[in-house]
Amino acid sequence: MISLLILLRTWRKHFSRLKNSLMGVKSSH
């Protein structure tokens, strides 16, 4: 259960980073 929470936390972190990069690409174009 604990490992699942850690996985979810890391996934959210990567997702936010990916979303930020996507937003940056949209704004740059």
Protein backbone atom coordinates (compact mmCIF):
# COMPACT_ATOMS: atom_id res chain seq x y z
CA MET A 1 0.00 0.00 0.00
CA ILE A 2 2.77 2.43 0.95
CA SER A 3 4.68 1.66 -2.24
CA LEU A 4 1.51 2.42 -4.21
CA LEU A 5 1.25 5.85 -2.60
CA ILE A 6 4.90 6.57 -3.43
CA LEU A 7 4.32 5.45 -7.02
CA LEU A 8 1.27 7.71 -7.29
CA ARG A 9 3.23 10.65 -5.87
CA THR A 10 6.10 10.18 -8.33
CA TRP A 11 3.62 9.72 -11.20
CA ARG A 12 1.89 12.99 -10.33
CA LYS A 13 5.26 14.73 -10.19
CA HIS A 14 6.22 13.46 -13.65
CA PHE A 15 2.74 14.27 -14.98
CA SER A 16 2.96 17.87 -13.75
CA ARG A 17 6.41 18.20 -15.35
CA LEU A 18 5.11 16.78 -18.62
CA LYS A 19 2.12 19.13 -18.55
CA ASN A 20 4.41 22.10 -17.90
CA SER A 21 6.58 21.14 -20.89
CA LEU A 22 3.49 20.80 -23.08
CA MET A 23 2.24 24.24 -21.99
CA GLY A 24 5.67 25.69 -22.73
CA VAL A 25 5.61 24.22 -26.25
CA LYS A 26 2.13 25.64 -26.85
CA SER A 27 3.14 29.11 -25.66
CA SER A 28 6.37 29.05 -27.71
CA HIS A 29 4.53 28.21 -30.94
